C-alpha atoms as a PDB file:
ATOM      1  CA  UNK A   1      90.050 -86.531 196.878  1.00  0.00           C
ATOM      2  CA  UNK A   2      93.579 -84.387 197.459  1.00  0.00           C
ATOM      3  CA  UNK A   3      93.426 -80.746 196.917  1.00  0.00           C
ATOM      4  CA  UNK A   4      96.094 -80.139 193.809  1.00  0.00           C
ATOM      5  CA  UNK A   5      97.487 -76.605 194.414  1.00  0.00           C
ATOM      6  CA  UNK A   6      97.613 -73.547 191.553  1.00  0.00           C
ATOM      7  CA  UNK A   7     100.638 -72.331 191.032  1.00  0.00           C
ATOM      8  CA  UNK A   8      99.503 -68.705 192.921  1.00  0.00           C
ATOM      9  CA  UNK A   9      98.654 -71.322 195.677  1.00  0.00           C
ATOM     10  CA  UNK A  10     102.606 -72.427 195.477  1.00  0.00           C
ATOM     11  CA  UNK A  11     104.175 -69.413 195.218  1.00  0.00           C
ATOM     12  CA  UNK A  12     102.066 -67.582 197.519  1.00  0.00           C
ATOM     13  CA  UNK A  13     104.559 -65.867 200.145  1.00  0.00           C
ATOM     14  CA  UNK A  14     102.998 -64.198 203.429  1.00  0.00           C
ATOM     15  CA  UNK A  15     103.961 -61.160 204.677  1.00  0.00           C
ATOM     16  CA  UNK A  16     104.978 -60.951 207.846  1.00  0.00           C
ATOM     17  CA  UNK A  17     105.261 -56.986 209.578  1.00  0.00           C
ATOM     18  CA  UNK A  18     108.543 -55.625 209.122  1.00  0.00           C
ATOM     19  CA  UNK A  19     109.191 -57.923 205.870  1.00  0.00           C
ATOM     20  CA  UNK A  20     109.669 -54.033 203.628  1.00  0.00           C
ATOM     21  CA  UNK A  21     112.570 -53.652 206.218  1.00  0.00           C
ATOM     22  CA  UNK A  22     114.021 -56.323 206.423  1.00  0.00           C
ATOM     23  CA  UNK A  23     113.996 -56.332 202.520  1.00  0.00           C
ATOM     24  CA  UNK A  24     115.675 -53.408 202.295  1.00  0.00           C
ATOM     25  CA  UNK A  25     118.576 -53.957 205.156  1.00  0.00           C
ATOM     26  CA  UNK A  26     119.236 -57.104 203.410  1.00  0.00           C
ATOM     27  CA  UNK A  27     119.275 -55.627 199.721  1.00  0.00           C
ATOM     28  CA  UNK A  28     121.381 -52.988 200.991  1.00  0.00           C
ATOM     29  CA  UNK A  29     123.738 -55.142 202.946  1.00  0.00           C
ATOM     30  CA  UNK A  30     124.011 -58.123 199.657  1.00  0.00           C
ATOM     31  CA  UNK A  31     124.804 -55.292 197.390  1.00  0.00           C
ATOM     32  CA  UNK A  32     127.463 -53.361 200.056  1.00  0.00           C
ATOM     33  CA  UNK A  33     129.068 -57.159 199.952  1.00  0.00           C
ATOM     34  CA  UNK A  34     128.874 -57.478 196.271  1.00  0.00           C
ATOM     35  CA  UNK A  35     131.214 -53.754 196.031  1.00  0.00           C
ATOM     36  CA  UNK A  36     133.551 -55.004 198.271  1.00  0.00           C
ATOM     37  CA  UNK A  37     134.325 -58.485 196.034  1.00  0.00           C
ATOM     38  CA  UNK A  38     137.387 -56.396 194.039  1.00  0.00           C
ATOM     39  CA  UNK A  39     138.935 -55.206 196.699  1.00  0.00           C
ATOM     40  CA  UNK A  40     138.838 -58.209 198.973  1.00  0.00           C
ATOM     41  CA  UNK A  41     139.788 -61.096 196.761  1.00  0.00           C
ATOM     42  CA  UNK A  42     141.977 -61.384 194.038  1.00  0.00           C
ATOM     43  CA  UNK A  43     142.175 -63.104 190.095  1.00  0.00           C
ATOM     44  CA  UNK A  44     145.061 -64.839 189.902  1.00  0.00           C
ATOM     45  CA  UNK A  45     147.004 -65.291 186.376  1.00  0.00           C
ATOM     46  CA  UNK A  46     147.060 -68.777 184.789  1.00  0.00           C
ATOM     47  CA  UNK A  47     144.749 -70.219 186.729  1.00  0.00           C
ATOM     48  CA  UNK A  48     141.521 -71.818 185.664  1.00  0.00           C
ATOM     49  CA  UNK A  49     138.425 -69.555 185.982  1.00  0.00           C
ATOM     50  CA  UNK A  50     136.412 -71.500 188.815  1.00  0.00           C
ATOM     51  CA  UNK A  51     139.388 -72.116 190.927  1.00  0.00           C
ATOM     52  CA  UNK A  52     140.495 -68.506 190.625  1.00  0.00           C
ATOM     53  CA  UNK A  53     139.790 -66.912 194.660  1.00  0.00           C
ATOM     54  CA  UNK A  54     137.572 -64.350 193.027  1.00  0.00           C
ATOM     55  CA  UNK A  55     135.021 -66.751 191.058  1.00  0.00           C
ATOM     56  CA  UNK A  56     132.880 -67.980 193.892  1.00  0.00           C
ATOM     57  CA  UNK A  57     132.760 -65.665 196.493  1.00  0.00           C
ATOM     58  CA  UNK A  58     131.769 -63.283 193.403  1.00  0.00           C
ATOM     59  CA  UNK A  59     129.143 -65.880 192.532  1.00  0.00           C
ATOM     60  CA  UNK A  60     127.402 -66.127 195.981  1.00  0.00           C
ATOM     61  CA  UNK A  61     127.165 -62.228 196.419  1.00  0.00           C
ATOM     62  CA  UNK A  62     125.497 -61.861 192.742  1.00  0.00           C
ATOM     63  CA  UNK A  63     122.671 -64.439 193.889  1.00  0.00           C
ATOM     64  CA  UNK A  64     122.328 -62.830 197.218  1.00  0.00           C
ATOM     65  CA  UNK A  65     121.987 -59.570 195.710  1.00  0.00           C
ATOM     66  CA  UNK A  66     119.574 -61.536 193.325  1.00  0.00           C
ATOM     67  CA  UNK A  67     117.677 -62.942 195.309  1.00  0.00           C
ATOM     68  CA  UNK A  68     117.479 -60.059 197.663  1.00  0.00           C
ATOM     69  CA  UNK A  69     116.041 -57.620 195.120  1.00  0.00           C
ATOM     70  CA  UNK A  70     113.513 -60.788 194.376  1.00  0.00           C
ATOM     71  CA  UNK A  71     112.885 -60.481 198.012  1.00  0.00           C
ATOM     72  CA  UNK A  72     112.054 -57.017 197.945  1.00  0.00           C
ATOM     73  CA  UNK A  73     110.181 -57.081 194.786  1.00  0.00           C
ATOM     74  CA  UNK A  74     107.912 -59.240 196.187  1.00  0.00           C
ATOM     75  CA  UNK A  75     107.743 -57.456 199.636  1.00  0.00           C
ATOM     76  CA  UNK A  76     106.611 -54.431 197.391  1.00  0.00           C
ATOM     77  CA  UNK A  77     103.884 -56.472 195.468  1.00  0.00           C
ATOM     78  CA  UNK A  78     102.522 -57.733 198.744  1.00  0.00           C
ATOM     79  CA  UNK A  79      99.785 -56.219 200.750  1.00  0.00           C
ATOM     80  CA  UNK A  80     100.828 -54.099 203.709  1.00  0.00           C
ATOM     81  CA  UNK A  81     100.714 -55.249 207.206  1.00  0.00           C
ATOM     82  CA  UNK A  82     100.268 -52.984 209.966  1.00  0.00           C
ATOM     83  CA  UNK A  83     103.092 -53.321 212.813  1.00  0.00           C
ATOM     84  CA  UNK A  84     105.991 -52.902 210.788  1.00  0.00           C
ATOM     85  CA  UNK A  85     107.597 -50.606 213.684  1.00  0.00           C
ATOM     86  CA  UNK A  86     106.911 -52.702 216.548  1.00  0.00           C
ATOM     87  CA  UNK A  87     108.326 -55.596 214.467  1.00  0.00           C
ATOM     88  CA  UNK A  88     111.489 -53.697 214.164  1.00  0.00           C
ATOM     89  CA  UNK A  89     111.689 -52.261 217.414  1.00  0.00           C
ATOM     90  CA  UNK A  90     111.576 -56.280 218.589  1.00  0.00           C
ATOM     91  CA  UNK A  91     114.701 -56.917 216.531  1.00  0.00           C
ATOM     92  CA  UNK A  92     116.466 -54.341 217.730  1.00  0.00           C
ATOM     93  CA  UNK A  93     115.745 -54.956 221.592  1.00  0.00           C
ATOM     94  CA  UNK A  94     117.760 -58.024 220.526  1.00  0.00           C
ATOM     95  CA  UNK A  95     121.124 -55.903 220.508  1.00  0.00           C
ATOM     96  CA  UNK A  96     120.545 -55.351 224.047  1.00  0.00           C
ATOM     97  CA  UNK A  97     122.481 -59.057 224.401  1.00  0.00           C
ATOM     98  CA  UNK A  98     124.856 -58.184 221.781  1.00  0.00           C
ATOM     99  CA  UNK A  99     125.959 -55.136 224.276  1.00  0.00           C
ATOM    100  CA  UNK A 100     126.034 -57.399 227.645  1.00  0.00           C
ATOM    101  CA  UNK A 101     128.151 -59.656 225.492  1.00  0.00           C
ATOM    102  CA  UNK A 102     130.552 -56.285 224.492  1.00  0.00           C
ATOM    103  CA  UNK A 103     130.785 -56.011 228.209  1.00  0.00           C
ATOM    104  CA  UNK A 104     131.860 -59.079 228.951  1.00  0.00           C
ATOM    105  CA  UNK A 105     134.444 -59.565 226.760  1.00  0.00           C
ATOM    106  CA  UNK A 106     135.459 -56.238 228.122  1.00  0.00           C
ATOM    107  CA  UNK A 107     135.652 -56.909 231.886  1.00  0.00           C
ATOM    108  CA  UNK A 108     137.287 -60.449 231.197  1.00  0.00           C
ATOM    109  CA  UNK A 109     140.839 -58.977 230.902  1.00  0.00           C
ATOM    110  CA  UNK A 110     140.104 -57.234 234.151  1.00  0.00           C
ATOM    111  CA  UNK A 111     138.679 -59.362 236.413  1.00  0.00           C
ATOM    112  CA  UNK A 112     139.792 -62.957 234.808  1.00  0.00           C
ATOM    113  CA  UNK A 113     138.031 -65.366 232.843  1.00  0.00           C
ATOM    114  CA  UNK A 114     136.244 -67.360 235.988  1.00  0.00           C
ATOM    115  CA  UNK A 115     135.249 -64.482 237.785  1.00  0.00           C
ATOM    116  CA  UNK A 116     133.913 -62.824 234.615  1.00  0.00           C
ATOM    117  CA  UNK A 117     131.853 -65.585 233.228  1.00  0.00           C
ATOM    118  CA  UNK A 118     129.682 -66.467 236.806  1.00  0.00           C
ATOM    119  CA  UNK A 119     128.732 -62.642 236.481  1.00  0.00           C
ATOM    120  CA  UNK A 120     128.177 -62.390 233.233  1.00  0.00           C
ATOM    121  CA  UNK A 121     125.699 -65.862 233.478  1.00  0.00           C
ATOM    122  CA  UNK A 122     124.243 -65.104 236.834  1.00  0.00           C
ATOM    123  CA  UNK A 123     123.763 -61.380 235.116  1.00  0.00           C
ATOM    124  CA  UNK A 124     122.119 -62.871 232.259  1.00  0.00           C
ATOM    125  CA  UNK A 125     119.713 -65.402 234.491  1.00  0.00           C
ATOM    126  CA  UNK A 126     118.466 -62.449 236.713  1.00  0.00           C
ATOM    127  CA  UNK A 127     118.030 -60.286 233.261  1.00  0.00           C
ATOM    128  CA  UNK A 128     115.869 -63.393 231.712  1.00  0.00           C
ATOM    129  CA  UNK A 129     113.914 -63.036 235.097  1.00  0.00           C
ATOM    130  CA  UNK A 130     115.330 -66.707 236.589  1.00  0.00           C
ATOM    131  CA  UNK A 131     116.194 -65.000 239.804  1.00  0.00           C
ATOM    132  CA  UNK A 132     115.819 -67.432 242.079  1.00  0.00           C
ATOM    133  CA  UNK A 133     118.756 -69.164 244.108  1.00  0.00           C
ATOM    134  CA  UNK A 134     118.546 -72.314 242.541  1.00  0.00           C
ATOM    135  CA  UNK A 135     118.600 -70.462 239.226  1.00  0.00           C
ATOM    136  CA  UNK A 136     121.569 -68.685 240.189  1.00  0.00           C
ATOM    137  CA  UNK A 137     123.714 -71.732 241.471  1.00  0.00           C
ATOM    138  CA  UNK A 138     123.024 -73.737 238.240  1.00  0.00           C
ATOM    139  CA  UNK A 139     124.315 -70.502 236.157  1.00  0.00           C
ATOM    140  CA  UNK A 140     127.578 -70.398 238.426  1.00  0.00           C
ATOM    141  CA  UNK A 141     128.181 -74.205 238.366  1.00  0.00           C
ATOM    142  CA  UNK A 142     127.881 -74.033 234.379  1.00  0.00           C
ATOM    143  CA  UNK A 143     130.041 -70.269 234.260  1.00  0.00           C
ATOM    144  CA  UNK A 144     132.677 -72.509 236.149  1.00  0.00           C
ATOM    145  CA  UNK A 145     132.284 -75.934 234.049  1.00  0.00           C
ATOM    146  CA  UNK A 146     132.593 -73.807 230.981  1.00  0.00           C
ATOM    147  CA  UNK A 147     135.986 -72.029 232.365  1.00  0.00           C
ATOM    148  CA  UNK A 148     137.042 -75.449 233.647  1.00  0.00           C
ATOM    149  CA  UNK A 149     136.608 -76.776 230.176  1.00  0.00           C
ATOM    150  CA  UNK A 150     138.443 -73.932 227.942  1.00  0.00           C
ATOM    151  CA  UNK A 151     141.143 -73.134 230.223  1.00  0.00           C
ATOM    152  CA  UNK A 152     141.987 -75.638 231.913  1.00  0.00           C
ATOM    153  CA  UNK A 153     141.149 -78.889 229.713  1.00  0.00           C
ATOM    154  CA  UNK A 154     141.262 -77.475 225.641  1.00  0.00           C
ATOM    155  CA  UNK A 155     144.158 -75.202 227.246  1.00  0.00           C
ATOM    156  CA  UNK A 156     142.512 -71.997 225.111  1.00  0.00           C
ATOM    157  CA  UNK A 157     144.527 -68.828 225.466  1.00  0.00           C
ATOM    158  CA  UNK A 158     142.286 -66.586 227.026  1.00  0.00           C
ATOM    159  CA  UNK A 159     143.591 -63.270 228.414  1.00  0.00           C
ATOM    160  CA  UNK A 160     144.757 -63.360 232.577  1.00  0.00           C
ATOM    161  CA  UNK A 161     142.715 -60.851 234.802  1.00  0.00           C
ATOM    162  CA  UNK A 162     144.978 -58.165 236.534  1.00  0.00           C
ATOM    163  CA  UNK A 163     143.232 -58.671 239.456  1.00  0.00           C
ATOM    164  CA  UNK A 164     145.058 -62.208 239.269  1.00  0.00           C
ATOM    165  CA  UNK A 165     148.017 -59.827 239.908  1.00  0.00           C
ATOM    166  CA  UNK A 166     146.843 -58.518 243.429  1.00  0.00           C
ATOM    167  CA  UNK A 167     146.798 -62.540 244.419  1.00  0.00           C
ATOM    168  CA  UNK A 168     149.674 -64.282 246.326  1.00  0.00           C
ATOM    169  CA  UNK A 169     152.317 -65.365 244.345  1.00  0.00           C
ATOM    170  CA  UNK A 170     151.300 -69.634 244.847  1.00  0.00           C
ATOM    171  CA  UNK A 171     147.542 -68.494 244.004  1.00  0.00           C
ATOM    172  CA  UNK A 172     148.646 -65.983 241.293  1.00  0.00           C
ATOM    173  CA  UNK A 173     150.772 -68.782 239.687  1.00  0.00           C
ATOM    174  CA  UNK A 174     147.748 -71.269 239.879  1.00  0.00           C
ATOM    175  CA  UNK A 175     144.599 -68.107 238.670  1.00  0.00           C
ATOM    176  CA  UNK A 176     146.683 -66.989 235.635  1.00  0.00           C
ATOM    177  CA  UNK A 177     147.251 -70.639 234.199  1.00  0.00           C
ATOM    178  CA  UNK A 178     143.801 -72.426 235.302  1.00  0.00           C
ATOM    179  CA  UNK A 179     141.158 -69.434 235.841  1.00  0.00           C
END
């Protein structure tokens, strides 16, 4: 016979390490966003209330803050699990890759899109521990494909690299347009 769950079983929370830290950060962020609605949106005269530019963002942020508060209260009421700060450090370690991307964005105007993308993909391949010739070739081929698709086929306007200025005129024109 099937087990019928009680209401407590249906709504039981299984807390994880770092849950309270996440709840605090999420609550603070949602309150901050809610506090910015008045300055970032407008209220238009002679417009129905549900069509106001401020209405739906405010509704969504009120509910976001409400659910963040409920999550925070649930976290406070749940039994504490050891390892909170280890979990937070694990989350912060992911910021390393954000810094890599910011460095990549800073290097593109200097080296150009194609060389920067090849360097970036090869660096990430080495960083994640796949530094074999085969994986480096795959990363390089991927980078070339991405550059060709974005610059040549899709005509995405990406700043040309200062490095291209040193090329001879015929190669410089090609590099500025397609690389």
